Full PDB file with SEQRES, HELIX, SHEET, SSBOND, CRYST1, ORIGX, SCALE, CONECT and MASTER records, all heavy atoms in Angstrom:
SEQRES   1 A   44  MET LYS LYS ILE ARG THR LYS ARG LEU ASP ASP GLY SER          
SEQRES   2 A   44  ARG VAL HIS SER PHE ARG SER LEU LEU GLY HIS LEU GLY          
SEQRES   3 A   44  SER ILE VAL ARG ALA THR CYS HIS CYS SER GLY GLU LYS          
SEQRES   4 A   44  ASP THR SER ASN THR                                          
HELIX    1 AA1 LYS A    2  THR A    6  1                                   5    
HELIX    2 AA2 PHE A   18  LEU A   25  1                                   8    
CRYST1    1.000    1.000    1.000  90.00  90.00  90.00 P 1           1          
ORIGX1      1.000000  0.000000  0.000000        0.00000                         
ORIGX2      0.000000  1.000000  0.000000        0.00000                         
ORIGX3      0.000000  0.000000  1.000000        0.00000                         
SCALE1      1.000000  0.000000  0.000000        0.00000                         
SCALE2      0.000000  1.000000  0.000000        0.00000                         
SCALE3      0.000000  0.000000  1.000000        0.00000                         
ATOM      1  N   MET A   1     -17.363   1.173 -19.803  1.00  0.00           N  
ATOM      2  CA  MET A   1     -16.633   0.589 -20.922  1.00  0.00           C  
ATOM      3  C   MET A   1     -15.288   1.282 -21.123  1.00  0.00           C  
ATOM      4  O   MET A   1     -14.304   0.643 -21.514  1.00  0.00           O  
ATOM      5  CB  MET A   1     -17.473   0.698 -22.197  1.00  0.00           C  
ATOM      6  CG  MET A   1     -18.715  -0.183 -22.191  1.00  0.00           C  
ATOM      7  SD  MET A   1     -18.342  -1.939 -21.902  1.00  0.00           S  
ATOM      8  CE  MET A   1     -17.330  -2.305 -23.339  1.00  0.00           C  
ATOM      9  N   LYS A   2     -15.246   2.558 -20.839  1.00  0.00           N  
ATOM     10  CA  LYS A   2     -13.973   3.290 -20.949  1.00  0.00           C  
ATOM     11  C   LYS A   2     -12.963   2.753 -19.937  1.00  0.00           C  
ATOM     12  O   LYS A   2     -11.765   2.608 -20.235  1.00  0.00           O  
ATOM     13  CB  LYS A   2     -14.214   4.784 -20.734  1.00  0.00           C  
ATOM     14  CG  LYS A   2     -12.962   5.631 -20.881  1.00  0.00           C  
ATOM     15  CD  LYS A   2     -13.250   7.101 -20.631  1.00  0.00           C  
ATOM     16  CE  LYS A   2     -11.979   7.944 -20.726  1.00  0.00           C  
ATOM     17  NZ  LYS A   2     -12.244   9.376 -20.441  1.00  0.00           N  
ATOM     18  N   LYS A   3     -13.438   2.460 -18.721  1.00  0.00           N  
ATOM     19  CA  LYS A   3     -12.552   1.866 -17.711  1.00  0.00           C  
ATOM     20  C   LYS A   3     -11.966   0.546 -18.213  1.00  0.00           C  
ATOM     21  O   LYS A   3     -10.765   0.286 -18.076  1.00  0.00           O  
ATOM     22  CB  LYS A   3     -13.333   1.592 -16.418  1.00  0.00           C  
ATOM     23  CG  LYS A   3     -13.671   2.786 -15.572  1.00  0.00           C  
ATOM     24  CD  LYS A   3     -14.349   2.279 -14.307  1.00  0.00           C  
ATOM     25  CE  LYS A   3     -14.869   3.379 -13.429  1.00  0.00           C  
ATOM     26  NZ  LYS A   3     -15.535   2.863 -12.213  1.00  0.00           N  
ATOM     27  N   ILE A   4     -12.830  -0.283 -18.787  1.00  0.00           N  
ATOM     28  CA  ILE A   4     -12.386  -1.598 -19.247  1.00  0.00           C  
ATOM     29  C   ILE A   4     -11.405  -1.469 -20.411  1.00  0.00           C  
ATOM     30  O   ILE A   4     -10.406  -2.180 -20.483  1.00  0.00           O  
ATOM     31  CB  ILE A   4     -13.613  -2.443 -19.663  1.00  0.00           C  
ATOM     32  CG1 ILE A   4     -14.496  -2.703 -18.441  1.00  0.00           C  
ATOM     33  CG2 ILE A   4     -13.176  -3.749 -20.309  1.00  0.00           C  
ATOM     34  CD1 ILE A   4     -15.819  -3.343 -18.772  1.00  0.00           C  
ATOM     35  N   ARG A   5     -11.711  -0.529 -21.298  1.00  0.00           N  
ATOM     36  CA  ARG A   5     -10.889  -0.377 -22.508  1.00  0.00           C  
ATOM     37  C   ARG A   5      -9.520   0.209 -22.187  1.00  0.00           C  
ATOM     38  O   ARG A   5      -8.493  -0.267 -22.682  1.00  0.00           O  
ATOM     39  CB  ARG A   5     -11.632   0.506 -23.510  1.00  0.00           C  
ATOM     40  CG  ARG A   5     -10.923   0.630 -24.859  1.00  0.00           C  
ATOM     41  CD  ARG A   5     -11.750   1.440 -25.839  1.00  0.00           C  
ATOM     42  NE  ARG A   5     -11.939   2.815 -25.420  1.00  0.00           N  
ATOM     43  CZ  ARG A   5     -13.069   3.297 -24.899  1.00  0.00           C  
ATOM     44  NH1 ARG A   5     -14.121   2.496 -24.742  1.00  0.00           N  
ATOM     45  NH2 ARG A   5     -13.175   4.560 -24.529  1.00  0.00           N  
ATOM     46  N   THR A   6      -9.497   1.245 -21.357  1.00  0.00           N  
ATOM     47  CA  THR A   6      -8.235   1.951 -21.088  1.00  0.00           C  
ATOM     48  C   THR A   6      -7.516   1.444 -19.856  1.00  0.00           C  
ATOM     49  O   THR A   6      -6.322   1.668 -19.693  1.00  0.00           O  
ATOM     50  CB  THR A   6      -8.500   3.452 -20.922  1.00  0.00           C  
ATOM     51  OG1 THR A   6      -9.315   3.661 -19.750  1.00  0.00           O  
ATOM     52  CG2 THR A   6      -9.218   4.014 -22.146  1.00  0.00           C  
ATOM     53  N   LYS A   7      -8.286   0.769 -18.959  1.00  0.00           N  
ATOM     54  CA  LYS A   7      -7.741   0.309 -17.677  1.00  0.00           C  
ATOM     55  C   LYS A   7      -7.228   1.483 -16.844  1.00  0.00           C  
ATOM     56  O   LYS A   7      -6.353   1.317 -15.986  1.00  0.00           O  
ATOM     57  CB  LYS A   7      -6.629  -0.721 -17.886  1.00  0.00           C  
ATOM     58  CG  LYS A   7      -7.098  -1.989 -18.564  1.00  0.00           C  
ATOM     59  CD  LYS A   7      -5.956  -2.973 -18.749  1.00  0.00           C  
ATOM     60  CE  LYS A   7      -6.452  -4.300 -19.318  1.00  0.00           C  
ATOM     61  NZ  LYS A   7      -7.158  -4.162 -20.593  1.00  0.00           N  
ATOM     62  N   ARG A   8      -7.809   2.660 -17.108  1.00  0.00           N  
ATOM     63  CA  ARG A   8      -7.407   3.875 -16.389  1.00  0.00           C  
ATOM     64  C   ARG A   8      -8.637   4.644 -15.931  1.00  0.00           C  
ATOM     65  O   ARG A   8      -9.683   4.627 -16.579  1.00  0.00           O  
ATOM     66  CB  ARG A   8      -6.563   4.789 -17.291  1.00  0.00           C  
ATOM     67  CG  ARG A   8      -5.260   4.163 -17.779  1.00  0.00           C  
ATOM     68  CD  ARG A   8      -4.217   4.171 -16.694  1.00  0.00           C  
ATOM     69  NE  ARG A   8      -3.029   3.416 -17.089  1.00  0.00           N  
ATOM     70  CZ  ARG A   8      -1.960   3.268 -16.313  1.00  0.00           C  
ATOM     71  NH1 ARG A   8      -1.935   3.834 -15.116  1.00  0.00           N  
ATOM     72  NH2 ARG A   8      -0.930   2.557 -16.725  1.00  0.00           N  
ATOM     73  N   LEU A   9      -8.478   5.346 -14.805  1.00  0.00           N  
ATOM     74  CA  LEU A   9      -9.511   6.273 -14.337  1.00  0.00           C  
ATOM     75  C   LEU A   9      -9.286   7.632 -14.984  1.00  0.00           C  
ATOM     76  O   LEU A   9      -8.292   7.854 -15.690  1.00  0.00           O  
ATOM     77  CB  LEU A   9      -9.459   6.388 -12.812  1.00  0.00           C  
ATOM     78  CG  LEU A   9      -9.707   5.091 -12.021  1.00  0.00           C  
ATOM     79  CD1 LEU A   9      -9.502   5.339 -10.534  1.00  0.00           C  
ATOM     80  CD2 LEU A   9     -11.103   4.563 -12.285  1.00  0.00           C  
ATOM     81  N   ASP A  10     -10.211   8.538 -14.738  1.00  0.00           N  
ATOM     82  CA  ASP A  10     -10.100   9.865 -15.352  1.00  0.00           C  
ATOM     83  C   ASP A  10      -8.837  10.594 -14.914  1.00  0.00           C  
ATOM     84  O   ASP A  10      -8.317  11.442 -15.649  1.00  0.00           O  
ATOM     85  CB  ASP A  10     -11.339  10.708 -15.000  1.00  0.00           C  
ATOM     86  CG  ASP A  10     -12.595  10.191 -15.687  1.00  0.00           C  
ATOM     87  OD1 ASP A  10     -12.451   9.485 -16.706  1.00  0.00           O  
ATOM     88  OD2 ASP A  10     -13.706  10.486 -15.207  1.00  0.00           O  
ATOM     89  N   ASP A  11      -8.331  10.289 -13.704  1.00  0.00           N  
ATOM     90  CA  ASP A  11      -7.109  10.947 -13.235  1.00  0.00           C  
ATOM     91  C   ASP A  11      -5.843  10.274 -13.761  1.00  0.00           C  
ATOM     92  O   ASP A  11      -4.727  10.660 -13.394  1.00  0.00           O  
ATOM     93  CB  ASP A  11      -7.089  11.008 -11.707  1.00  0.00           C  
ATOM     94  CG  ASP A  11      -7.088   9.619 -11.067  1.00  0.00           C  
ATOM     95  OD1 ASP A  11      -7.051   8.619 -11.820  1.00  0.00           O  
ATOM     96  OD2 ASP A  11      -7.125   9.533  -9.826  1.00  0.00           O  
ATOM     97  N   GLY A  12      -6.009   9.250 -14.610  1.00  0.00           N  
ATOM     98  CA  GLY A  12      -4.857   8.572 -15.195  1.00  0.00           C  
ATOM     99  C   GLY A  12      -4.344   7.394 -14.394  1.00  0.00           C  
ATOM    100  O   GLY A  12      -3.458   6.666 -14.861  1.00  0.00           O  
ATOM    101  N   SER A  13      -4.874   7.179 -13.191  1.00  0.00           N  
ATOM    102  CA  SER A  13      -4.406   6.063 -12.358  1.00  0.00           C  
ATOM    103  C   SER A  13      -5.057   4.759 -12.798  1.00  0.00           C  
ATOM    104  O   SER A  13      -6.057   4.755 -13.510  1.00  0.00           O  
ATOM    105  CB  SER A  13      -4.716   6.343 -10.883  1.00  0.00           C  
ATOM    106  OG  SER A  13      -6.119   6.438 -10.690  1.00  0.00           O  
ATOM    107  N   ARG A  14      -4.507   3.642 -12.335  1.00  0.00           N  
ATOM    108  CA  ARG A  14      -4.984   2.325 -12.736  1.00  0.00           C  
ATOM    109  C   ARG A  14      -6.353   2.017 -12.133  1.00  0.00           C  
ATOM    110  O   ARG A  14      -6.654   2.410 -11.006  1.00  0.00           O  
ATOM    111  CB  ARG A  14      -4.004   1.246 -12.269  1.00  0.00           C  
ATOM    112  CG  ARG A  14      -2.678   1.246 -12.986  1.00  0.00           C  
ATOM    113  CD  ARG A  14      -2.718   0.497 -14.271  1.00  0.00           C  
ATOM    114  NE  ARG A  14      -3.139  -0.894 -14.115  1.00  0.00           N  
ATOM    115  CZ  ARG A  14      -3.177  -1.759 -15.118  1.00  0.00           C  
ATOM    116  NH1 ARG A  14      -2.833  -1.370 -16.336  1.00  0.00           N  
ATOM    117  NH2 ARG A  14      -3.562  -2.996 -14.927  1.00  0.00           N  
ATOM    118  N   VAL A  15      -7.157   1.282 -12.904  1.00  0.00           N  
ATOM    119  CA  VAL A  15      -8.403   0.739 -12.374  1.00  0.00           C  
ATOM    120  C   VAL A  15      -8.067  -0.573 -11.667  1.00  0.00           C  
ATOM    121  O   VAL A  15      -7.177  -1.309 -12.101  1.00  0.00           O  
ATOM    122  CB  VAL A  15      -9.434   0.488 -13.493  1.00  0.00           C  
ATOM    123  CG1 VAL A  15     -10.766   0.043 -12.906  1.00  0.00           C  
ATOM    124  CG2 VAL A  15      -9.618   1.734 -14.333  1.00  0.00           C  
ATOM    125  N   HIS A  16      -8.772  -0.864 -10.590  1.00  0.00           N  
ATOM    126  CA  HIS A  16      -8.493  -2.070  -9.812  1.00  0.00           C  
ATOM    127  C   HIS A  16      -9.688  -3.009  -9.792  1.00  0.00           C  
ATOM    128  O   HIS A  16     -10.833  -2.582  -9.978  1.00  0.00           O  
ATOM    129  CB  HIS A  16      -8.157  -1.703  -8.359  1.00  0.00           C  
ATOM    130  CG  HIS A  16      -6.751  -1.249  -8.152  1.00  0.00           C  
ATOM    131  ND1 HIS A  16      -5.686  -2.124  -8.038  1.00  0.00           N  
ATOM    132  CD2 HIS A  16      -6.220  -0.007  -8.046  1.00  0.00           C  
ATOM    133  CE1 HIS A  16      -4.566  -1.439  -7.860  1.00  0.00           C  
ATOM    134  NE2 HIS A  16      -4.859  -0.147  -7.860  1.00  0.00           N  
ATOM    135  N   SER A  17      -9.411  -4.284  -9.529  1.00  0.00           N  
ATOM    136  CA  SER A  17     -10.448  -5.207  -9.089  1.00  0.00           C  
ATOM    137  C   SER A  17     -10.503  -5.104  -7.570  1.00  0.00           C  
ATOM    138  O   SER A  17      -9.624  -4.503  -6.940  1.00  0.00           O  
ATOM    139  CB  SER A  17     -10.106  -6.643  -9.502  1.00  0.00           C  
ATOM    140  OG  SER A  17      -8.936  -7.089  -8.817  1.00  0.00           O  
ATOM    141  N   PHE A  18     -11.521  -5.703  -6.972  1.00  0.00           N  
ATOM    142  CA  PHE A  18     -11.624  -5.655  -5.514  1.00  0.00           C  
ATOM    143  C   PHE A  18     -10.386  -6.269  -4.875  1.00  0.00           C  
ATOM    144  O   PHE A  18      -9.803  -5.707  -3.950  1.00  0.00           O  
ATOM    145  CB  PHE A  18     -12.886  -6.395  -5.063  1.00  0.00           C  
ATOM    146  CG  PHE A  18     -13.025  -6.497  -3.571  1.00  0.00           C  
ATOM    147  CD1 PHE A  18     -13.398  -5.400  -2.824  1.00  0.00           C  
ATOM    148  CD2 PHE A  18     -12.769  -7.700  -2.915  1.00  0.00           C  
ATOM    149  CE1 PHE A  18     -13.522  -5.490  -1.431  1.00  0.00           C  
ATOM    150  CE2 PHE A  18     -12.896  -7.796  -1.537  1.00  0.00           C  
ATOM    151  CZ  PHE A  18     -13.270  -6.685  -0.793  1.00  0.00           C  
ATOM    152  N   ARG A  19      -9.967  -7.436  -5.389  1.00  0.00           N  
ATOM    153  CA  ARG A  19      -8.832  -8.121  -4.797  1.00  0.00           C  
ATOM    154  C   ARG A  19      -7.531  -7.349  -4.994  1.00  0.00           C  
ATOM    155  O   ARG A  19      -6.700  -7.276  -4.085  1.00  0.00           O  
ATOM    156  CB  ARG A  19      -8.734  -9.526  -5.418  1.00  0.00           C  
ATOM    157  CG  ARG A  19      -7.676 -10.437  -4.844  1.00  0.00           C  
ATOM    158  CD  ARG A  19      -7.789 -10.667  -3.379  1.00  0.00           C  
ATOM    159  NE  ARG A  19      -9.098 -11.104  -2.940  1.00  0.00           N  
ATOM    160  CZ  ARG A  19      -9.445 -11.228  -1.671  1.00  0.00           C  
ATOM    161  NH1 ARG A  19      -8.586 -10.924  -0.719  1.00  0.00           N  
ATOM    162  NH2 ARG A  19     -10.653 -11.637  -1.338  1.00  0.00           N  
ATOM    163  N   SER A  20      -7.333  -6.751  -6.173  1.00  0.00           N  
ATOM    164  CA  SER A  20      -6.081  -6.020  -6.412  1.00  0.00           C  
ATOM    165  C   SER A  20      -6.035  -4.738  -5.593  1.00  0.00           C  
ATOM    166  O   SER A  20      -4.956  -4.310  -5.174  1.00  0.00           O  
ATOM    167  CB  SER A  20      -5.908  -5.716  -7.899  1.00  0.00           C  
ATOM    168  OG  SER A  20      -6.851  -4.757  -8.350  1.00  0.00           O  
ATOM    169  N   LEU A  21      -7.201  -4.120  -5.346  1.00  0.00           N  
ATOM    170  CA  LEU A  21      -7.210  -2.907  -4.522  1.00  0.00           C  
ATOM    171  C   LEU A  21      -6.862  -3.246  -3.083  1.00  0.00           C  
ATOM    172  O   LEU A  21      -6.113  -2.503  -2.427  1.00  0.00           O  
ATOM    173  CB  LEU A  21      -8.578  -2.226  -4.597  1.00  0.00           C  
ATOM    174  CG  LEU A  21      -8.698  -0.894  -3.841  1.00  0.00           C  
ATOM    175  CD1 LEU A  21      -7.615   0.096  -4.276  1.00  0.00           C  
ATOM    176  CD2 LEU A  21     -10.085  -0.272  -4.046  1.00  0.00           C  
ATOM    177  N   LEU A  22      -7.369  -4.364  -2.580  1.00  0.00           N  
ATOM    178  CA  LEU A  22      -6.969  -4.795  -1.240  1.00  0.00           C  
ATOM    179  C   LEU A  22      -5.463  -5.044  -1.187  1.00  0.00           C  
ATOM    180  O   LEU A  22      -4.794  -4.695  -0.209  1.00  0.00           O  
ATOM    181  CB  LEU A  22      -7.707  -6.074  -0.849  1.00  0.00           C  
ATOM    182  CG  LEU A  22      -9.095  -5.944  -0.230  1.00  0.00           C  
ATOM    183  CD1 LEU A  22      -9.630  -7.316   0.131  1.00  0.00           C  
ATOM    184  CD2 LEU A  22      -9.084  -5.045   0.993  1.00  0.00           C  
ATOM    185  N   GLY A  23      -4.936  -5.654  -2.247  1.00  0.00           N  
ATOM    186  CA  GLY A  23      -3.496  -5.889  -2.291  1.00  0.00           C  
ATOM    187  C   GLY A  23      -2.714  -4.582  -2.303  1.00  0.00           C  
ATOM    188  O   GLY A  23      -1.652  -4.473  -1.676  1.00  0.00           O  
ATOM    189  N   HIS A  24      -3.236  -3.585  -3.029  1.00  0.00           N  
ATOM    190  CA  HIS A  24      -2.577  -2.274  -3.062  1.00  0.00           C  
ATOM    191  C   HIS A  24      -2.587  -1.635  -1.675  1.00  0.00           C  
ATOM    192  O   HIS A  24      -1.584  -1.046  -1.249  1.00  0.00           O  
ATOM    193  CB  HIS A  24      -3.294  -1.382  -4.065  1.00  0.00           C  
ATOM    194  CG  HIS A  24      -2.676  -0.030  -4.239  1.00  0.00           C  
ATOM    195  ND1 HIS A  24      -1.359   0.159  -4.598  1.00  0.00           N  
ATOM    196  CD2 HIS A  24      -3.198   1.226  -4.079  1.00  0.00           C  
ATOM    197  CE1 HIS A  24      -1.084   1.449  -4.655  1.00  0.00           C  
ATOM    198  NE2 HIS A  24      -2.184   2.114  -4.345  1.00  0.00           N  
ATOM    199  N   LEU A  25      -3.694  -1.769  -0.967  1.00  0.00           N  
ATOM    200  CA  LEU A  25      -3.754  -1.216   0.390  1.00  0.00           C  
ATOM    201  C   LEU A  25      -2.846  -2.002   1.329  1.00  0.00           C  
ATOM    202  O   LEU A  25      -2.350  -1.452   2.320  1.00  0.00           O  
ATOM    203  CB  LEU A  25      -5.192  -1.255   0.904  1.00  0.00           C  
ATOM    204  CG  LEU A  25      -6.189  -0.350   0.172  1.00  0.00           C  
ATOM    205  CD1 LEU A  25      -7.594  -0.576   0.695  1.00  0.00           C  
ATOM    206  CD2 LEU A  25      -5.807   1.114   0.319  1.00  0.00           C  
ATOM    207  N   GLY A  26      -2.625  -3.288   1.010  1.00  0.00           N  
ATOM    208  CA  GLY A  26      -1.747  -4.095   1.847  1.00  0.00           C  
ATOM    209  C   GLY A  26      -0.294  -3.653   1.817  1.00  0.00           C  
ATOM    210  O   GLY A  26       0.497  -4.062   2.654  1.00  0.00           O  
ATOM    211  N   SER A  27       0.048  -2.806   0.831  1.00  0.00           N  
ATOM    212  CA  SER A  27       1.432  -2.290   0.797  1.00  0.00           C  
ATOM    213  C   SER A  27       1.677  -1.260   1.894  1.00  0.00           C  
ATOM    214  O   SER A  27       2.823  -0.885   2.147  1.00  0.00           O  
ATOM    215  CB  SER A  27       1.723  -1.674  -0.571  1.00  0.00           C  
ATOM    216  OG  SER A  27       0.901  -0.534  -0.804  1.00  0.00           O  
ATOM    217  N   ILE A  28       0.610  -0.783   2.525  1.00  0.00           N  
ATOM    218  CA  ILE A  28       0.768   0.092   3.701  1.00  0.00           C  
ATOM    219  C   ILE A  28       1.172  -0.789   4.877  1.00  0.00           C  
ATOM    220  O   ILE A  28       0.469  -1.744   5.212  1.00  0.00           O  
ATOM    221  CB  ILE A  28      -0.542   0.829   4.021  1.00  0.00           C  
ATOM    222  CG1 ILE A  28      -0.970   1.716   2.849  1.00  0.00           C  
ATOM    223  CG2 ILE A  28      -0.410   1.654   5.288  1.00  0.00           C  
ATOM    224  CD1 ILE A  28      -2.334   2.359   3.036  1.00  0.00           C  
ATOM    225  N   VAL A  29       2.283  -0.486   5.493  1.00  0.00           N  
ATOM    226  CA  VAL A  29       2.754  -1.288   6.625  1.00  0.00           C  
ATOM    227  C   VAL A  29       2.857  -0.412   7.865  1.00  0.00           C  
ATOM    228  O   VAL A  29       2.965   0.821   7.780  1.00  0.00           O  
ATOM    229  CB  VAL A  29       4.119  -1.948   6.335  1.00  0.00           C  
ATOM    230  CG1 VAL A  29       4.035  -2.851   5.122  1.00  0.00           C  
ATOM    231  CG2 VAL A  29       5.207  -0.897   6.150  1.00  0.00           C  
ATOM    232  N   ARG A  30       2.808  -1.058   9.002  1.00  0.00           N  
ATOM    233  CA  ARG A  30       3.025  -0.366  10.271  1.00  0.00           C  
ATOM    234  C   ARG A  30       4.338  -0.867  10.844  1.00  0.00           C  
ATOM    235  O   ARG A  30       4.426  -1.995  11.330  1.00  0.00           O  
ATOM    236  CB  ARG A  30       1.872  -0.639  11.239  1.00  0.00           C  
ATOM    237  CG  ARG A  30       1.926   0.238  12.487  1.00  0.00           C  
ATOM    238  CD  ARG A  30       0.777  -0.065  13.419  1.00  0.00           C  
ATOM    239  NE  ARG A  30       0.887  -1.402  13.983  1.00  0.00           N  
ATOM    240  CZ  ARG A  30      -0.041  -1.941  14.766  1.00  0.00           C  
ATOM    241  NH1 ARG A  30      -1.152  -1.281  15.023  1.00  0.00           N  
ATOM    242  NH2 ARG A  30       0.132  -3.160  15.264  1.00  0.00           N  
ATOM    243  N   ALA A  31       5.356  -0.057  10.740  1.00  0.00           N  
ATOM    244  CA  ALA A  31       6.702  -0.458  11.143  1.00  0.00           C  
ATOM    245  C   ALA A  31       6.955  -0.110  12.607  1.00  0.00           C  
ATOM    246  O   ALA A  31       6.651   1.011  13.059  1.00  0.00           O  
ATOM    247  CB  ALA A  31       7.740   0.219  10.258  1.00  0.00           C  
ATOM    248  N   THR A  32       7.502  -1.057  13.361  1.00  0.00           N  
ATOM    249  CA  THR A  32       7.894  -0.834  14.755  1.00  0.00           C  
ATOM    250  C   THR A  32       9.404  -0.620  14.789  1.00  0.00           C  
ATOM    251  O   THR A  32      10.170  -1.482  14.350  1.00  0.00           O  
ATOM    252  CB  THR A  32       7.495  -2.035  15.626  1.00  0.00           C  
ATOM    253  OG1 THR A  32       6.085  -2.245  15.509  1.00  0.00           O  
ATOM    254  CG2 THR A  32       7.851  -1.773  17.082  1.00  0.00           C  
ATOM    255  N   CYS A  33       9.849   0.529  15.291  1.00  0.00           N  
ATOM    256  CA  CYS A  33      11.266   0.922  15.226  1.00  0.00           C  
ATOM    257  C   CYS A  33      11.833   1.135  16.627  1.00  0.00           C  
ATOM    258  O   CYS A  33      11.103   1.355  17.602  1.00  0.00           O  
ATOM    259  CB  CYS A  33      11.417   2.214  14.414  1.00  0.00           C  
ATOM    260  SG  CYS A  33      10.558   2.205  12.829  1.00  0.00           S  
ATOM    261  N   HIS A  34      13.156   1.057  16.712  1.00  0.00           N  
ATOM    262  CA  HIS A  34      13.858   1.446  17.938  1.00  0.00           C  
ATOM    263  C   HIS A  34      15.220   1.988  17.550  1.00  0.00           C  
ATOM    264  O   HIS A  34      15.679   1.832  16.411  1.00  0.00           O  
ATOM    265  CB  HIS A  34      13.975   0.262  18.894  1.00  0.00           C  
ATOM    266  CG  HIS A  34      14.976  -0.768  18.452  1.00  0.00           C  
ATOM    267  ND1 HIS A  34      15.936  -1.285  19.277  1.00  0.00           N  
ATOM    268  CD2 HIS A  34      15.184  -1.355  17.237  1.00  0.00           C  
ATOM    269  CE1 HIS A  34      16.665  -2.169  18.607  1.00  0.00           C  
ATOM    270  NE2 HIS A  34      16.225  -2.228  17.371  1.00  0.00           N  
ATOM    271  N   CYS A  35      15.879   2.660  18.462  1.00  0.00           N  
ATOM    272  CA  CYS A  35      17.154   3.305  18.163  1.00  0.00           C  
ATOM    273  C   CYS A  35      18.237   2.258  17.913  1.00  0.00           C  
ATOM    274  O   CYS A  35      18.312   1.244  18.609  1.00  0.00           O  
ATOM    275  CB  CYS A  35      17.580   4.205  19.325  1.00  0.00           C  
ATOM    276  SG  CYS A  35      16.491   5.632  19.526  1.00  0.00           S  
ATOM    277  N   SER A  36      19.063   2.526  16.920  1.00  0.00           N  
ATOM    278  CA  SER A  36      20.131   1.594  16.556  1.00  0.00           C  
ATOM    279  C   SER A  36      21.101   1.427  17.714  1.00  0.00           C  
ATOM    280  O   SER A  36      21.477   2.401  18.375  1.00  0.00           O  
ATOM    281  CB  SER A  36      20.886   2.115  15.328  1.00  0.00           C  
ATOM    282  OG  SER A  36      20.021   2.219  14.233  1.00  0.00           O  
ATOM    283  N   GLY A  37      21.496   0.176  17.947  1.00  0.00           N  
ATOM    284  CA  GLY A  37      22.484  -0.097  18.987  1.00  0.00           C  
ATOM    285  C   GLY A  37      21.903  -0.177  20.372  1.00  0.00           C  
ATOM    286  O   GLY A  37      22.589  -0.536  21.325  1.00  0.00           O  
ATOM    287  N   GLU A  38      20.633   0.155  20.527  1.00  0.00           N  
ATOM    288  CA  GLU A  38      20.021   0.120  21.865  1.00  0.00           C  
ATOM    289  C   GLU A  38      19.633  -1.307  22.200  1.00  0.00           C  
ATOM    290  O   GLU A  38      18.930  -1.981  21.450  1.00  0.00           O  
ATOM    291  CB  GLU A  38      18.793   1.028  21.896  1.00  0.00           C  
ATOM    292  CG  GLU A  38      18.206   1.194  23.297  1.00  0.00           C  
ATOM    293  CD  GLU A  38      17.079   2.213  23.298  1.00  0.00           C  
ATOM    294  OE1 GLU A  38      17.247   3.269  22.658  1.00  0.00           O  
ATOM    295  OE2 GLU A  38      16.039   1.932  23.912  1.00  0.00           O  
ATOM    296  N   LYS A  39      20.116  -1.797  23.338  1.00  0.00           N  
ATOM    297  CA  LYS A  39      19.850  -3.182  23.717  1.00  0.00           C  
ATOM    298  C   LYS A  39      18.425  -3.386  24.209  1.00  0.00           C  
ATOM    299  O   LYS A  39      17.859  -4.447  24.049  1.00  0.00           O  
ATOM    300  CB  LYS A  39      20.850  -3.621  24.797  1.00  0.00           C  
ATOM    301  CG  LYS A  39      22.298  -3.652  24.304  1.00  0.00           C  
ATOM    302  CD  LYS A  39      23.231  -4.141  25.393  1.00  0.00           C  
ATOM    303  CE  LYS A  39      24.667  -4.181  24.880  1.00  0.00           C  
ATOM    304  NZ  LYS A  39      25.598  -4.674  25.938  1.00  0.00           N  
ATOM    305  N   ASP A  40      17.850  -2.379  24.799  1.00  0.00           N  
ATOM    306  CA  ASP A  40      16.488  -2.479  25.306  1.00  0.00           C  
ATOM    307  C   ASP A  40      15.506  -2.276  24.146  1.00  0.00           C  
ATOM    308  O   ASP A  40      15.276  -1.149  23.714  1.00  0.00           O  
ATOM    309  CB  ASP A  40      16.256  -1.428  26.398  1.00  0.00           C  
ATOM    310  CG  ASP A  40      14.858  -1.563  27.010  1.00  0.00           C  
ATOM    311  OD1 ASP A  40      14.180  -2.566  26.704  1.00  0.00           O  
ATOM    312  OD2 ASP A  40      14.462  -0.669  27.784  1.00  0.00           O  
ATOM    313  N   THR A  41      14.944  -3.369  23.653  1.00  0.00           N  
ATOM    314  CA  THR A  41      14.030  -3.281  22.500  1.00  0.00           C  
ATOM    315  C   THR A  41      12.609  -2.917  22.905  1.00  0.00           C  
ATOM    316  O   THR A  41      11.732  -2.795  22.054  1.00  0.00           O  
ATOM    317  CB  THR A  41      14.001  -4.626  21.753  1.00  0.00           C  
ATOM    318  OG1 THR A  41      13.586  -5.663  22.652  1.00  0.00           O  
ATOM    319  CG2 THR A  41      15.372  -4.966  21.186  1.00  0.00           C  
ATOM    320  N   SER A  42      12.352  -2.738  24.209  1.00  0.00           N  
ATOM    321  CA  SER A  42      10.999  -2.369  24.630  1.00  0.00           C  
ATOM    322  C   SER A  42      10.705  -0.891  24.358  1.00  0.00           C  
ATOM    323  O   SER A  42       9.546  -0.485  24.309  1.00  0.00           O  
ATOM    324  CB  SER A  42      10.809  -2.664  26.123  1.00  0.00           C  
ATOM    325  OG  SER A  42      11.721  -1.888  26.902  1.00  0.00           O  
ATOM    326  N   ASN A  43      11.751  -0.105  24.202  1.00  0.00           N  
ATOM    327  CA  ASN A  43      11.573   1.328  23.932  1.00  0.00           C  
ATOM    328  C   ASN A  43      11.440   1.522  22.419  1.00  0.00           C  
ATOM    329  O   ASN A  43      12.417   1.785  21.724  1.00  0.00           O  
ATOM    330  CB  ASN A  43      12.769   2.109  24.488  1.00  0.00           C  
ATOM    331  CG  ASN A  43      12.557   3.604  24.373  1.00  0.00           C  
ATOM    332  OD1 ASN A  43      11.423   4.081  24.255  1.00  0.00           O  
ATOM    333  ND2 ASN A  43      13.653   4.360  24.404  1.00  0.00           N  
ATOM    334  N   THR A  44      10.235   1.351  21.915  1.00  0.00           N  
ATOM    335  CA  THR A  44       9.989   1.398  20.470  1.00  0.00           C  
ATOM    336  C   THR A  44       8.918   2.420  20.140  1.00  0.00           C  
ATOM    337  O   THR A  44       8.214   2.924  21.017  1.00  0.00           O  
ATOM    338  CB  THR A  44       9.531   0.023  19.939  1.00  0.00           C  
ATOM    339  OG1 THR A  44       8.298  -0.334  20.583  1.00  0.00           O  
ATOM    340  CG2 THR A  44      10.580  -1.045  20.190  1.00  0.00           C  
TER     341      THR A  44                                                      
MASTER        0    0    0    2    0    0    0    6  340    1    0    4          
END                                                                             
């Protein structure tokens, strides 16, 4: 009931629903990079 009332965990962070927690994890991205100006994009 405390979670529902405050919408916070004991550490002060937000409580999530299953769907919102998946969305929060979806903010983690895997970026593929290469050196600027390099024409060969296979070297990433």
